[in-house]
């Protein structure tokens, strides 16, 4: 348990920066490549989020979740790691 806590602390920033970078890199493929579009749609539906940071500037923000997926994914990973 202690080792897990230490590893989590040491690698936290690396995991967060990698996650942010990968989400950012995937956005241009939304609507272009089916697997990216499906992954984003599934993630946004399951986590009730929109985009990497938020959906401000979206053509129709009233039909979408307003919270960004980066924070929702981080919360999901933290909750999952607690079990």
Protein backbone atom coordinates (compact mmCIF):
# COMPACT_ATOMS: atom_id res chain seq x y z
CA UNK A 1 0.00 0.00 0.00
CA UNK A 2 2.81 2.41 0.90
CA UNK A 3 4.71 1.59 -2.29
CA UNK A 4 1.58 2.28 -4.35
CA UNK A 5 1.20 5.67 -2.71
CA UNK A 6 4.82 6.56 -3.36
CA UNK A 7 4.61 5.48 -7.00
CA UNK A 8 1.40 7.43 -7.44
CA UNK A 9 3.06 10.55 -6.07
CA UNK A 10 6.21 10.14 -8.18
CA UNK A 11 4.46 9.42 -11.47
CA UNK A 12 1.38 11.63 -11.00
CA UNK A 13 2.66 14.60 -13.01
CA UNK A 14 3.96 12.38 -15.80
CA UNK A 15 0.63 10.60 -16.08
CA UNK A 16 -1.30 13.88 -16.05
CA UNK A 17 0.88 15.52 -18.68
CA UNK A 18 0.76 12.42 -20.90
CA UNK A 19 -3.01 12.21 -20.56
CA UNK A 20 -3.43 15.89 -21.42
CA UNK A 21 -1.10 15.60 -24.41
CA UNK A 22 -2.88 12.52 -25.76
CA UNK A 23 -6.34 14.05 -25.40
CA UNK A 24 -5.13 17.20 -27.15
CA UNK A 25 -3.56 15.17 -29.97
CA UNK A 26 -6.77 13.17 -30.54
CA UNK A 27 -9.08 16.16 -31.01
CA UNK A 28 -8.19 16.92 -34.66
CA UNK A 29 -9.20 13.37 -35.62
CA UNK A 30 -12.72 13.73 -34.22
CA UNK A 31 -15.13 13.44 -37.12
CA UNK A 32 -12.29 12.36 -39.41
CA UNK A 33 -11.35 8.90 -38.16
CA UNK A 34 -14.12 6.61 -36.96
CA UNK A 35 -12.17 5.08 -34.06
CA UNK A 36 -11.31 8.52 -32.63
CA UNK A 37 -14.86 9.78 -33.06
CA UNK A 38 -16.30 6.69 -31.37
CA UNK A 39 -13.78 6.87 -28.52
CA UNK A 40 -14.52 10.55 -27.90
CA UNK A 41 -18.28 10.02 -28.11
CA UNK A 42 -18.17 7.05 -25.72
CA UNK A 43 -15.93 8.91 -23.28
CA UNK A 44 -18.05 12.06 -23.35
CA UNK A 45 -21.26 10.09 -22.84
CA UNK A 46 -19.92 7.88 -20.05
CA UNK A 47 -18.14 10.65 -18.13
CA UNK A 48 -20.69 13.35 -19.04
CA UNK A 49 -18.01 15.68 -20.36
CA UNK A 50 -17.22 17.57 -23.52
CA UNK A 51 -13.90 18.20 -25.24
CA UNK A 52 -10.54 18.28 -23.55
CA UNK A 53 -11.12 21.25 -21.25
CA UNK A 54 -14.71 22.30 -22.03
CA UNK A 55 -17.11 22.92 -24.90
CA UNK A 56 -17.03 26.68 -24.92
CA UNK A 57 -17.25 27.83 -28.50
CA UNK A 58 -19.17 24.74 -29.54
CA UNK A 59 -21.87 25.38 -32.13
CA UNK A 60 -24.57 24.06 -29.79
CA UNK A 61 -23.42 24.07 -26.16
CA UNK A 62 -26.94 23.63 -24.76
CA UNK A 63 -27.09 20.00 -25.90
CA UNK A 64 -23.68 19.03 -24.54
CA UNK A 65 -22.00 18.55 -21.22
CA UNK A 66 -20.02 21.62 -20.22
CA UNK A 67 -17.29 20.02 -18.07
CA UNK A 68 -14.06 19.11 -19.84
CA UNK A 69 -13.05 15.49 -20.20
CA UNK A 70 -9.51 15.92 -18.88
CA UNK A 71 -10.69 16.57 -15.32
CA UNK A 72 -13.40 13.93 -15.60
CA UNK A 73 -10.86 11.30 -16.73
CA UNK A 74 -8.55 12.29 -13.87
CA UNK A 75 -11.42 11.97 -11.38
CA UNK A 76 -12.38 8.61 -12.86
CA UNK A 77 -8.81 7.31 -12.56
CA UNK A 78 -8.53 8.53 -8.98
CA UNK A 79 -11.80 6.85 -7.99
CA UNK A 80 -10.78 3.63 -9.74
CA UNK A 81 -7.34 3.67 -8.10
CA UNK A 82 -8.94 3.96 -4.67
CA UNK A 83 -10.52 0.52 -4.98
